[in-house]
């Protein structure tokens, strides 16, 4: 399990994690002061997850729809766990609870800064339309997921100039924060025929940036 994140990145490890943590929440509901409503909401999501997980593991039923449902349920389950963890009083946690739940410091993780990831986003051109580029971003450690690393966004920079510019000569600017997998860049008529250069970084909540992505160049049409 990655030490920078509450939830494991690999799907099989995530499944093991949520089953183990749900069992502990049920067993120690009273001591951890978990509300019936929050626990029942999580159990309902887990019931749906278990059905979908069985379909996902079977190569004969692992369809695109099943994969999308897996990703959707994962987001909802992570959110449900975070609600529960955030409501547990700090005094109720035992060392073993924090170990099982993979919680460092406070239950919500707000007391400690999440270190910026050491790798760069995977960036690709989704569509190249007239005066428009749509970029697709993925976490290279979790290519099957649409999620960002926990508590991170993407910082994207670009520059429109001549073709075949050396990397060191590109004066990147126009920085924007990207919080979704797809991001559209709109160009102007004066840019047509020129080359737009893009680079991106992962950025944590305090604004620290990780490694730079490869520089991608796309002609503006």
C-alpha atoms as a PDB file:
ATOM      1  CA  UNK A   1       0.000   0.000   0.000  1.00  0.00           C
ATOM      2  CA  UNK A   2       1.390   3.390  -0.964  1.00  0.00           C
ATOM      3  CA  UNK A   3       2.355   5.368   2.104  1.00  0.00           C
ATOM      4  CA  UNK A   4       1.218   8.675   0.619  1.00  0.00           C
ATOM      5  CA  UNK A   5      -2.371   7.599   0.089  1.00  0.00           C
ATOM      6  CA  UNK A   6      -5.142   6.156   2.211  1.00  0.00           C
ATOM      7  CA  UNK A   7      -6.425   3.914  -0.566  1.00  0.00           C
ATOM      8  CA  UNK A   8      -4.240   1.472  -2.537  1.00  0.00           C
ATOM      9  CA  UNK A   9      -3.729   2.281  -6.209  1.00  0.00           C
ATOM     10  CA  UNK A  10      -3.899  -1.293  -7.514  1.00  0.00           C
ATOM     11  CA  UNK A  11      -7.495  -2.504  -7.879  1.00  0.00           C
ATOM     12  CA  UNK A  12      -6.916  -5.914  -6.271  1.00  0.00           C
ATOM     13  CA  UNK A  13      -5.268  -4.253  -3.267  1.00  0.00           C
ATOM     14  CA  UNK A  14      -8.119  -1.753  -3.064  1.00  0.00           C
ATOM     15  CA  UNK A  15     -10.650  -4.575  -2.957  1.00  0.00           C
ATOM     16  CA  UNK A  16      -8.732  -6.288  -0.148  1.00  0.00           C
ATOM     17  CA  UNK A  17      -8.440  -2.968   1.718  1.00  0.00           C
ATOM     18  CA  UNK A  18     -12.144  -2.053   1.626  1.00  0.00           C
ATOM     19  CA  UNK A  19     -13.272  -5.532   2.670  1.00  0.00           C
ATOM     20  CA  UNK A  20     -10.855  -5.530   5.602  1.00  0.00           C
ATOM     21  CA  UNK A  21     -11.741  -1.992   6.679  1.00  0.00           C
ATOM     22  CA  UNK A  22     -15.488  -2.535   6.383  1.00  0.00           C
ATOM     23  CA  UNK A  23     -15.214  -5.613   8.584  1.00  0.00           C
ATOM     24  CA  UNK A  24     -13.326  -3.592  11.210  1.00  0.00           C
ATOM     25  CA  UNK A  25     -15.841  -0.743  11.109  1.00  0.00           C
ATOM     26  CA  UNK A  26     -18.678  -3.214  11.657  1.00  0.00           C
ATOM     27  CA  UNK A  27     -16.866  -5.005  14.485  1.00  0.00           C
ATOM     28  CA  UNK A  28     -15.901  -1.811  16.322  1.00  0.00           C
ATOM     29  CA  UNK A  29     -18.782   0.480  15.312  1.00  0.00           C
ATOM     30  CA  UNK A  30     -19.618   1.443  18.887  1.00  0.00           C
ATOM     31  CA  UNK A  31     -16.043   2.196  19.983  1.00  0.00           C
ATOM     32  CA  UNK A  32     -15.301   4.170  16.828  1.00  0.00           C
ATOM     33  CA  UNK A  33     -18.661   5.977  17.094  1.00  0.00           C
ATOM     34  CA  UNK A  34     -19.647   5.241  13.493  1.00  0.00           C
ATOM     35  CA  UNK A  35     -23.242   6.283  12.781  1.00  0.00           C
ATOM     36  CA  UNK A  36     -25.736   3.728  11.500  1.00  0.00           C
ATOM     37  CA  UNK A  37     -26.561   5.936   8.512  1.00  0.00           C
ATOM     38  CA  UNK A  38     -22.939   6.267   7.397  1.00  0.00           C
ATOM     39  CA  UNK A  39     -22.194   2.594   7.902  1.00  0.00           C
ATOM     40  CA  UNK A  40     -25.359   1.447   6.128  1.00  0.00           C
ATOM     41  CA  UNK A  41     -24.575   3.743   3.192  1.00  0.00           C
ATOM     42  CA  UNK A  42     -21.122   2.193   2.920  1.00  0.00           C
ATOM     43  CA  UNK A  43     -22.494  -1.343   3.177  1.00  0.00           C
ATOM     44  CA  UNK A  44     -24.978  -0.621   0.359  1.00  0.00           C
ATOM     45  CA  UNK A  45     -22.137   0.599  -1.865  1.00  0.00           C
ATOM     46  CA  UNK A  46     -20.016  -2.405  -0.974  1.00  0.00           C
ATOM     47  CA  UNK A  47     -22.831  -4.775  -1.926  1.00  0.00           C
ATOM     48  CA  UNK A  48     -22.894  -3.177  -5.383  1.00  0.00           C
ATOM     49  CA  UNK A  49     -19.096  -3.266  -5.535  1.00  0.00           C
ATOM     50  CA  UNK A  50     -18.965  -6.985  -4.730  1.00  0.00           C
ATOM     51  CA  UNK A  51     -21.386  -7.814  -7.536  1.00  0.00           C
ATOM     52  CA  UNK A  52     -19.497  -5.663 -10.027  1.00  0.00           C
ATOM     53  CA  UNK A  53     -16.122  -6.963  -8.809  1.00  0.00           C
ATOM     54  CA  UNK A  54     -17.182 -10.508  -9.651  1.00  0.00           C
ATOM     55  CA  UNK A  55     -18.078  -9.389 -13.175  1.00  0.00           C
ATOM     56  CA  UNK A  56     -14.790  -7.505 -13.456  1.00  0.00           C
ATOM     57  CA  UNK A  57     -12.704 -10.550 -12.506  1.00  0.00           C
ATOM     58  CA  UNK A  58     -14.403 -12.772 -15.087  1.00  0.00           C
ATOM     59  CA  UNK A  59     -12.875 -12.186 -18.532  1.00  0.00           C
ATOM     60  CA  UNK A  60     -16.152 -13.236 -20.146  1.00  0.00           C
ATOM     61  CA  UNK A  61     -18.105 -10.450 -18.391  1.00  0.00           C
ATOM     62  CA  UNK A  62     -15.429  -7.729 -18.071  1.00  0.00           C
ATOM     63  CA  UNK A  63     -17.040  -5.226 -20.441  1.00  0.00           C
ATOM     64  CA  UNK A  64     -16.464  -1.505 -20.833  1.00  0.00           C
ATOM     65  CA  UNK A  65     -19.667  -0.920 -18.872  1.00  0.00           C
ATOM     66  CA  UNK A  66     -18.407  -3.089 -16.008  1.00  0.00           C
ATOM     67  CA  UNK A  67     -15.104  -1.200 -15.947  1.00  0.00           C
ATOM     68  CA  UNK A  68     -16.857   2.173 -15.866  1.00  0.00           C
ATOM     69  CA  UNK A  69     -19.111   1.006 -13.048  1.00  0.00           C
ATOM     70  CA  UNK A  70     -16.060  -0.212 -11.115  1.00  0.00           C
ATOM     71  CA  UNK A  71     -14.432   3.217 -11.381  1.00  0.00           C
ATOM     72  CA  UNK A  72     -17.676   4.967 -10.445  1.00  0.00           C
ATOM     73  CA  UNK A  73     -18.248   2.782  -7.390  1.00  0.00           C
ATOM     74  CA  UNK A  74     -14.636   3.167  -6.300  1.00  0.00           C
ATOM     75  CA  UNK A  75     -15.023   6.960  -6.150  1.00  0.00           C
ATOM     76  CA  UNK A  76     -18.234   6.666  -4.135  1.00  0.00           C
ATOM     77  CA  UNK A  77     -16.717   4.111  -1.751  1.00  0.00           C
ATOM     78  CA  UNK A  78     -13.611   6.216  -1.154  1.00  0.00           C
ATOM     79  CA  UNK A  79     -15.838   9.205  -0.398  1.00  0.00           C
ATOM     80  CA  UNK A  80     -17.975   7.132   2.004  1.00  0.00           C
ATOM     81  CA  UNK A  81     -14.907   5.885   3.866  1.00  0.00           C
ATOM     82  CA  UNK A  82     -13.579   9.435   4.151  1.00  0.00           C
ATOM     83  CA  UNK A  83     -16.850  10.630   5.661  1.00  0.00           C
ATOM     84  CA  UNK A  84     -16.658   7.864   8.268  1.00  0.00           C
ATOM     85  CA  UNK A  85     -12.974   8.422   9.010  1.00  0.00           C
ATOM     86  CA  UNK A  86     -13.570  12.152   9.366  1.00  0.00           C
ATOM     87  CA  UNK A  87     -16.338  11.585  11.936  1.00  0.00           C
ATOM     88  CA  UNK A  88     -14.326   9.243  14.164  1.00  0.00           C
ATOM     89  CA  UNK A  89     -13.008  11.152  17.221  1.00  0.00           C
ATOM     90  CA  UNK A  90      -9.216  11.222  17.377  1.00  0.00           C
ATOM     91  CA  UNK A  91      -9.377   9.785  20.892  1.00  0.00           C
ATOM     92  CA  UNK A  92     -11.239   6.702  19.609  1.00  0.00           C
ATOM     93  CA  UNK A  93      -8.437   5.548  17.332  1.00  0.00           C
ATOM     94  CA  UNK A  94      -6.110   2.786  18.422  1.00  0.00           C
ATOM     95  CA  UNK A  95      -2.736   2.277  16.774  1.00  0.00           C
ATOM     96  CA  UNK A  96      -4.093  -0.868  15.123  1.00  0.00           C
ATOM     97  CA  UNK A  97      -7.034   1.103  13.673  1.00  0.00           C
ATOM     98  CA  UNK A  98      -4.682   3.554  12.000  1.00  0.00           C
ATOM     99  CA  UNK A  99      -2.601   0.677  10.675  1.00  0.00           C
ATOM    100  CA  UNK A 100      -5.593  -1.142   9.178  1.00  0.00           C
ATOM    101  CA  UNK A 101      -7.184   2.044   7.784  1.00  0.00           C
ATOM    102  CA  UNK A 102      -3.794   3.366   6.607  1.00  0.00           C
ATOM    103  CA  UNK A 103      -4.358   6.670   8.372  1.00  0.00           C
ATOM    104  CA  UNK A 104      -1.390   8.764   9.389  1.00  0.00           C
ATOM    105  CA  UNK A 105      -1.865  11.565  11.903  1.00  0.00           C
ATOM    106  CA  UNK A 106      -5.432  12.810  11.994  1.00  0.00           C
ATOM    107  CA  UNK A 107      -8.223  10.654  10.616  1.00  0.00           C
ATOM    108  CA  UNK A 108      -8.890  13.016   7.716  1.00  0.00           C
ATOM    109  CA  UNK A 109      -5.239  13.516   6.895  1.00  0.00           C
ATOM    110  CA  UNK A 110      -5.689  17.309   7.175  1.00  0.00           C
ATOM    111  CA  UNK A 111      -3.114  17.668   9.907  1.00  0.00           C
ATOM    112  CA  UNK A 112      -0.247  16.616   7.681  1.00  0.00           C
ATOM    113  CA  UNK A 113       0.660  17.829   4.220  1.00  0.00           C
ATOM    114  CA  UNK A 114       0.525  15.265   1.457  1.00  0.00           C
ATOM    115  CA  UNK A 115       3.893  15.090  -0.249  1.00  0.00           C
ATOM    116  CA  UNK A 116       3.809  15.832  -3.959  1.00  0.00           C
ATOM    117  CA  UNK A 117       4.121  12.711  -6.098  1.00  0.00           C
ATOM    118  CA  UNK A 118       7.497  12.135  -7.696  1.00  0.00           C
ATOM    119  CA  UNK A 119       6.246  11.329 -11.193  1.00  0.00           C
ATOM    120  CA  UNK A 120       4.618  13.365 -13.967  1.00  0.00           C
ATOM    121  CA  UNK A 121       1.149  13.048 -15.489  1.00  0.00           C
ATOM    122  CA  UNK A 122       0.705  11.038 -18.659  1.00  0.00           C
ATOM    123  CA  UNK A 123      -0.518  13.555 -21.251  1.00  0.00           C
ATOM    124  CA  UNK A 124      -1.937  12.817 -24.701  1.00  0.00           C
ATOM    125  CA  UNK A 125      -3.884  14.600 -27.431  1.00  0.00           C
ATOM    126  CA  UNK A 126      -7.524  13.470 -27.378  1.00  0.00           C
ATOM    127  CA  UNK A 127      -8.811  15.596 -30.289  1.00  0.00           C
ATOM    128  CA  UNK A 128      -7.362  18.234 -32.619  1.00  0.00           C
ATOM    129  CA  UNK A 129     -10.183  20.375 -34.005  1.00  0.00           C
ATOM    130  CA  UNK A 130     -10.277  23.815 -35.578  1.00  0.00           C
ATOM    131  CA  UNK A 131      -8.861  26.255 -32.982  1.00  0.00           C
ATOM    132  CA  UNK A 132      -9.173  23.612 -30.285  1.00  0.00           C
ATOM    133  CA  UNK A 133      -6.982  20.978 -28.642  1.00  0.00           C
ATOM    134  CA  UNK A 134      -8.436  18.561 -26.107  1.00  0.00           C
ATOM    135  CA  UNK A 135      -5.846  16.952 -23.857  1.00  0.00           C
ATOM    136  CA  UNK A 136      -6.251  13.736 -21.877  1.00  0.00           C
ATOM    137  CA  UNK A 137      -4.415  13.166 -18.604  1.00  0.00           C
ATOM    138  CA  UNK A 138      -3.860   9.942 -16.670  1.00  0.00           C
ATOM    139  CA  UNK A 139      -2.005   8.916 -13.555  1.00  0.00           C
ATOM    140  CA  UNK A 140       0.677   6.595 -15.022  1.00  0.00           C
ATOM    141  CA  UNK A 141       0.619   4.494 -11.838  1.00  0.00           C
ATOM    142  CA  UNK A 142      -3.143   3.929 -12.294  1.00  0.00           C
ATOM    143  CA  UNK A 143      -3.790   4.000 -16.063  1.00  0.00           C
ATOM    144  CA  UNK A 144      -7.149   2.254 -15.632  1.00  0.00           C
ATOM    145  CA  UNK A 145      -8.516   5.050 -13.404  1.00  0.00           C
ATOM    146  CA  UNK A 146      -9.651   8.599 -14.172  1.00  0.00           C
ATOM    147  CA  UNK A 147      -8.591   9.867 -10.751  1.00  0.00           C
ATOM    148  CA  UNK A 148      -5.782  12.251  -9.836  1.00  0.00           C
ATOM    149  CA  UNK A 149      -3.360  11.253  -7.091  1.00  0.00           C
ATOM    150  CA  UNK A 150      -4.941  12.075  -3.737  1.00  0.00           C
ATOM    151  CA  UNK A 151      -4.996  15.839  -2.940  1.00  0.00           C
ATOM    152  CA  UNK A 152      -3.345  16.731  -6.271  1.00  0.00           C
ATOM    153  CA  UNK A 153      -4.299  18.626  -9.394  1.00  0.00           C
ATOM    154  CA  UNK A 154      -2.438  19.108 -12.674  1.00  0.00           C
ATOM    155  CA  UNK A 155      -0.642  22.353 -13.485  1.00  0.00           C
ATOM    156  CA  UNK A 156      -0.615  22.817 -17.271  1.00  0.00           C
ATOM    157  CA  UNK A 157       1.488  25.345 -19.184  1.00  0.00           C
ATOM    158  CA  UNK A 158       1.613  26.099 -22.914  1.00  0.00           C
ATOM    159  CA  UNK A 159       3.264  28.286 -25.515  1.00  0.00           C
ATOM    160  CA  UNK A 160       2.348  28.918 -29.155  1.00  0.00           C
ATOM    161  CA  UNK A 161       5.335  29.499 -31.436  1.00  0.00           C
ATOM    162  CA  UNK A 162       7.315  28.220 -34.366  1.00  0.00           C
ATOM    163  CA  UNK A 163       7.760  24.523 -35.082  1.00  0.00           C
ATOM    164  CA  UNK A 164      10.716  22.447 -33.869  1.00  0.00           C
ATOM    165  CA  UNK A 165      11.673  24.732 -30.988  1.00  0.00           C
ATOM    166  CA  UNK A 166      14.302  23.378 -28.594  1.00  0.00           C
ATOM    167  CA  UNK A 167      12.856  22.499 -25.191  1.00  0.00           C
ATOM    168  CA  UNK A 168      15.117  24.979 -23.406  1.00  0.00           C
ATOM    169  CA  UNK A 169      13.954  27.813 -25.681  1.00  0.00           C
ATOM    170  CA  UNK A 170      10.223  27.451 -25.014  1.00  0.00           C
ATOM    171  CA  UNK A 171       9.009  30.255 -22.686  1.00  0.00           C
ATOM    172  CA  UNK A 172       6.113  28.365 -21.141  1.00  0.00           C
ATOM    173  CA  UNK A 173       3.323  30.495 -19.668  1.00  0.00           C
ATOM    174  CA  UNK A 174      -0.493  30.597 -19.389  1.00  0.00           C
ATOM    175  CA  UNK A 175      -0.451  28.189 -16.438  1.00  0.00           C
ATOM    176  CA  UNK A 176      -3.807  26.708 -15.434  1.00  0.00           C
ATOM    177  CA  UNK A 177      -4.940  24.141 -12.895  1.00  0.00           C
ATOM    178  CA  UNK A 178      -6.602  21.052 -14.368  1.00  0.00           C
ATOM    179  CA  UNK A 179      -8.820  18.923 -12.135  1.00  0.00           C
ATOM    180  CA  UNK A 180     -10.385  16.537 -14.672  1.00  0.00           C
ATOM    181  CA  UNK A 181      -9.100  13.896 -17.056  1.00  0.00           C
ATOM    182  CA  UNK A 182      -9.967  15.932 -20.164  1.00  0.00           C
ATOM    183  CA  UNK A 183      -9.086  19.580 -20.702  1.00  0.00           C
ATOM    184  CA  UNK A 184      -9.854  21.728 -23.757  1.00  0.00           C
ATOM    185  CA  UNK A 185      -7.563  24.553 -24.915  1.00  0.00           C
ATOM    186  CA  UNK A 186      -9.086  27.190 -27.219  1.00  0.00           C
ATOM    187  CA  UNK A 187      -6.816  29.024 -29.659  1.00  0.00           C
ATOM    188  CA  UNK A 188      -7.317  32.136 -31.788  1.00  0.00           C
ATOM    189  CA  UNK A 189      -7.157  32.651 -35.532  1.00  0.00           C
ATOM    190  CA  UNK A 190      -3.705  34.215 -35.303  1.00  0.00           C
ATOM    191  CA  UNK A 191      -2.400  30.881 -33.952  1.00  0.00           C
ATOM    192  CA  UNK A 192      -3.458  28.824 -36.982  1.00  0.00           C
ATOM    193  CA  UNK A 193      -0.482  27.065 -38.541  1.00  0.00           C
ATOM    194  CA  UNK A 194       1.704  27.600 -35.492  1.00  0.00           C
ATOM    195  CA  UNK A 195       2.769  24.921 -33.010  1.00  0.00           C
ATOM    196  CA  UNK A 196       1.459  24.798 -29.454  1.00  0.00           C
ATOM    197  CA  UNK A 197       3.807  23.247 -26.902  1.00  0.00           C
ATOM    198  CA  UNK A 198       2.388  21.743 -23.702  1.00  0.00           C
ATOM    199  CA  UNK A 199       3.927  20.527 -20.466  1.00  0.00           C
ATOM    200  CA  UNK A 200       2.305  19.498 -17.186  1.00  0.00           C
ATOM    201  CA  UNK A 201       3.112  18.720 -13.575  1.00  0.00           C
ATOM    202  CA  UNK A 202       1.296  17.215 -10.626  1.00  0.00           C
ATOM    203  CA  UNK A 203       0.736  19.839  -7.947  1.00  0.00           C
ATOM    204  CA  UNK A 204      -0.309  19.206  -4.331  1.00  0.00           C
ATOM    205  CA  UNK A 205      -2.584  21.422  -2.235  1.00  0.00           C
ATOM    206  CA  UNK A 206       0.212  23.736  -0.966  1.00  0.00           C
ATOM    207  CA  UNK A 207       1.264  24.307  -4.599  1.00  0.00           C
ATOM    208  CA  UNK A 208       4.407  22.152  -4.694  1.00  0.00           C
ATOM    209  CA  UNK A 209       5.026  20.607  -8.116  1.00  0.00           C
ATOM    210  CA  UNK A 210       6.489  17.257  -9.050  1.00  0.00           C
ATOM    211  CA  UNK A 211       8.356  16.173 -12.143  1.00  0.00           C
ATOM    212  CA  UNK A 212       7.697  17.751 -15.522  1.00  0.00           C
ATOM    213  CA  UNK A 213       5.903  15.691 -18.139  1.00  0.00           C
ATOM    214  CA  UNK A 214       7.290  15.191 -21.606  1.00  0.00           C
ATOM    215  CA  UNK A 215       6.744  18.254 -23.800  1.00  0.00           C
ATOM    216  CA  UNK A 216       4.008  17.660 -26.354  1.00  0.00           C
ATOM    217  CA  UNK A 217       3.722  19.716 -29.540  1.00  0.00           C
ATOM    218  CA  UNK A 218       0.556  20.059 -31.632  1.00  0.00           C
ATOM    219  CA  UNK A 219      -0.076  22.188 -34.719  1.00  0.00           C
ATOM    220  CA  UNK A 220      -3.027  24.601 -34.377  1.00  0.00           C
ATOM    221  CA  UNK A 221      -5.452  24.019 -37.236  1.00  0.00           C
END
